[in-house]
N, C-alpha and C. Protein backbone atom coordinates (compact mmCIF):
# COMPACT_ATOMS: atom_id res chain seq x y z
N MET A 1 32.28 6.79 52.87
CA MET A 1 31.10 7.42 52.33
C MET A 1 31.51 8.69 51.56
N SER A 2 32.50 9.39 52.03
CA SER A 2 32.90 10.63 51.36
C SER A 2 33.43 10.39 49.96
N GLN A 3 34.10 9.26 49.75
CA GLN A 3 34.61 8.94 48.42
C GLN A 3 33.46 8.72 47.44
N LEU A 4 32.46 7.98 47.86
CA LEU A 4 31.29 7.73 47.02
C LEU A 4 30.53 9.03 46.75
N THR A 5 30.40 9.87 47.77
CA THR A 5 29.74 11.16 47.60
C THR A 5 30.50 12.01 46.57
N ALA A 6 31.82 11.99 46.64
CA ALA A 6 32.64 12.77 45.70
C ALA A 6 32.47 12.28 44.27
N ILE A 7 32.39 10.96 44.09
CA ILE A 7 32.20 10.39 42.75
C ILE A 7 30.87 10.85 42.17
N ILE A 8 29.84 10.83 42.99
CA ILE A 8 28.52 11.26 42.54
C ILE A 8 28.50 12.76 42.28
N ALA A 9 29.09 13.51 43.17
CA ALA A 9 29.09 14.97 43.05
C ALA A 9 29.87 15.47 41.84
N ASP A 10 30.87 14.70 41.39
CA ASP A 10 31.68 15.15 40.24
C ASP A 10 30.97 14.94 38.90
N GLY A 11 29.75 14.40 38.97
CA GLY A 11 28.98 14.24 37.75
C GLY A 11 29.01 12.84 37.15
N SER A 12 29.75 11.92 37.78
CA SER A 12 29.79 10.55 37.28
C SER A 12 28.41 9.90 37.32
N LEU A 13 27.63 10.26 38.32
CA LEU A 13 26.23 9.87 38.42
C LEU A 13 25.44 11.15 38.63
N HIS A 14 24.29 11.24 38.03
CA HIS A 14 23.48 12.43 38.19
C HIS A 14 22.49 12.22 39.33
N ALA A 15 22.60 13.06 40.33
CA ALA A 15 21.71 12.97 41.49
C ALA A 15 21.54 14.36 42.08
N ALA A 16 20.33 14.66 42.50
CA ALA A 16 20.05 15.97 43.08
C ALA A 16 20.81 16.17 44.39
N ASP A 17 20.96 15.12 45.17
CA ASP A 17 21.62 15.20 46.46
C ASP A 17 22.68 14.10 46.53
N ALA A 18 23.92 14.46 46.28
CA ALA A 18 25.01 13.47 46.21
C ALA A 18 25.18 12.72 47.52
N GLU A 19 25.07 13.40 48.65
CA GLU A 19 25.28 12.75 49.95
C GLU A 19 24.20 11.70 50.23
N THR A 20 22.96 12.05 49.97
CA THR A 20 21.86 11.10 50.18
C THR A 20 21.98 9.92 49.23
N THR A 21 22.29 10.20 47.98
CA THR A 21 22.43 9.13 46.99
C THR A 21 23.57 8.19 47.38
N ALA A 22 24.67 8.74 47.84
CA ALA A 22 25.80 7.92 48.27
C ALA A 22 25.40 7.03 49.44
N ARG A 23 24.68 7.57 50.40
CA ARG A 23 24.24 6.78 51.56
C ARG A 23 23.32 5.63 51.13
N VAL A 24 22.39 5.93 50.23
CA VAL A 24 21.46 4.90 49.75
C VAL A 24 22.22 3.80 49.00
N ILE A 25 23.14 4.17 48.14
CA ILE A 25 23.92 3.18 47.40
C ILE A 25 24.75 2.34 48.35
N PHE A 26 25.38 2.99 49.31
CA PHE A 26 26.21 2.27 50.29
C PHE A 26 25.37 1.28 51.08
N ASN A 27 24.22 1.71 51.57
CA ASN A 27 23.36 0.82 52.35
C ASN A 27 22.83 -0.34 51.51
N ALA A 28 22.47 -0.04 50.27
CA ALA A 28 21.92 -1.09 49.40
C ALA A 28 22.97 -2.13 49.02
N THR A 29 24.22 -1.75 49.05
CA THR A 29 25.28 -2.67 48.64
C THR A 29 26.11 -3.19 49.81
N ALA A 30 25.68 -2.94 51.04
CA ALA A 30 26.43 -3.35 52.23
C ALA A 30 26.74 -4.85 52.22
N LYS A 31 25.79 -5.65 51.77
CA LYS A 31 25.99 -7.10 51.73
C LYS A 31 27.21 -7.46 50.89
N PHE A 32 27.56 -6.61 49.96
CA PHE A 32 28.64 -6.91 49.03
C PHE A 32 29.96 -6.23 49.40
N ASN A 33 29.96 -5.39 50.44
CA ASN A 33 31.21 -4.71 50.78
C ASN A 33 31.54 -4.70 52.27
N HIS A 34 30.66 -5.21 53.12
CA HIS A 34 30.91 -5.20 54.56
C HIS A 34 31.42 -6.57 54.99
N LEU A 35 32.50 -6.57 55.75
CA LEU A 35 33.13 -7.83 56.16
C LEU A 35 32.20 -8.74 56.97
N ALA A 36 31.19 -8.18 57.60
CA ALA A 36 30.25 -9.01 58.35
C ALA A 36 29.52 -10.00 57.43
N HIS A 37 29.51 -9.70 56.16
CA HIS A 37 28.82 -10.54 55.17
C HIS A 37 29.79 -11.40 54.36
N ALA A 38 31.05 -11.45 54.76
CA ALA A 38 32.08 -12.13 53.98
C ALA A 38 31.74 -13.59 53.68
N ALA A 39 31.14 -14.29 54.62
CA ALA A 39 30.79 -15.69 54.38
C ALA A 39 29.80 -15.83 53.22
N GLU A 40 28.93 -14.84 53.07
CA GLU A 40 27.94 -14.87 51.99
C GLU A 40 28.58 -14.70 50.62
N TRP A 41 29.77 -14.14 50.57
CA TRP A 41 30.43 -13.89 49.29
C TRP A 41 30.81 -15.19 48.58
N GLN A 42 30.80 -16.29 49.30
CA GLN A 42 31.12 -17.59 48.71
C GLN A 42 29.90 -18.26 48.09
N ASN A 43 28.72 -17.73 48.36
CA ASN A 43 27.49 -18.33 47.85
C ASN A 43 27.43 -18.28 46.33
N PRO A 44 26.98 -19.37 45.72
CA PRO A 44 26.77 -19.32 44.27
C PRO A 44 25.71 -18.25 43.97
N GLY A 45 25.92 -17.52 42.93
CA GLY A 45 24.93 -16.52 42.55
C GLY A 45 25.15 -15.15 43.17
N ILE A 46 26.16 -15.00 44.02
CA ILE A 46 26.38 -13.71 44.67
C ILE A 46 26.69 -12.62 43.64
N GLY A 47 27.39 -12.99 42.59
CA GLY A 47 27.70 -12.02 41.53
C GLY A 47 26.43 -11.56 40.83
N ALA A 48 25.53 -12.48 40.59
CA ALA A 48 24.26 -12.13 39.95
C ALA A 48 23.43 -11.22 40.86
N GLU A 49 23.46 -11.50 42.17
CA GLU A 49 22.73 -10.64 43.11
C GLU A 49 23.27 -9.22 43.07
N LEU A 50 24.59 -9.09 43.05
CA LEU A 50 25.20 -7.75 42.98
C LEU A 50 24.81 -7.06 41.68
N ASP A 51 24.84 -7.79 40.59
CA ASP A 51 24.45 -7.21 39.30
C ASP A 51 23.01 -6.70 39.34
N GLU A 52 22.12 -7.48 39.97
CA GLU A 52 20.72 -7.08 40.06
C GLU A 52 20.54 -5.81 40.90
N VAL A 53 21.25 -5.76 42.02
CA VAL A 53 21.16 -4.57 42.89
C VAL A 53 21.70 -3.35 42.16
N CYS A 54 22.84 -3.49 41.52
CA CYS A 54 23.44 -2.36 40.80
C CYS A 54 22.55 -1.90 39.65
N SER A 55 21.98 -2.84 38.91
CA SER A 55 21.08 -2.48 37.81
C SER A 55 19.87 -1.70 38.33
N LEU A 56 19.29 -2.18 39.42
CA LEU A 56 18.13 -1.50 39.99
C LEU A 56 18.49 -0.08 40.45
N LEU A 57 19.63 0.06 41.11
CA LEU A 57 20.06 1.38 41.58
C LEU A 57 20.30 2.32 40.40
N LEU A 58 21.00 1.83 39.39
CA LEU A 58 21.30 2.68 38.23
C LEU A 58 20.03 3.05 37.47
N GLU A 59 19.10 2.11 37.34
CA GLU A 59 17.82 2.43 36.68
C GLU A 59 17.08 3.50 37.45
N GLY A 60 17.10 3.41 38.77
CA GLY A 60 16.44 4.42 39.60
C GLY A 60 17.08 5.79 39.46
N ILE A 61 18.39 5.82 39.43
CA ILE A 61 19.11 7.09 39.27
C ILE A 61 18.81 7.69 37.91
N HIS A 62 18.85 6.87 36.87
CA HIS A 62 18.57 7.36 35.52
C HIS A 62 17.12 7.81 35.39
N ALA A 63 16.21 7.10 36.00
CA ALA A 63 14.78 7.47 35.95
C ALA A 63 14.54 8.81 36.64
N SER A 64 15.28 9.06 37.71
CA SER A 64 15.06 10.30 38.44
C SER A 64 15.56 11.54 37.69
N ILE A 65 16.39 11.32 36.66
CA ILE A 65 16.90 12.48 35.89
C ILE A 65 16.26 12.58 34.52
N SER A 66 15.47 11.57 34.14
CA SER A 66 14.81 11.60 32.83
C SER A 66 13.66 12.58 32.85
N PRO A 67 13.46 13.28 31.71
CA PRO A 67 12.36 14.26 31.68
C PRO A 67 11.00 13.60 31.72
């Protein structure tokens, strides 16, 4: 979690609270990075699911910084 927080805090992503944003991103993407879900990684369409989650997260982050 600290690595993700550091990436956000260094300005790579704009967020008011880097630690909270990192936790939300980590939790939202757990299906794609936690070994408990490894069997699901073989499912057709898993790449598209990850793309959808990432797009939604990035849109939310960008929306929160737009005037």
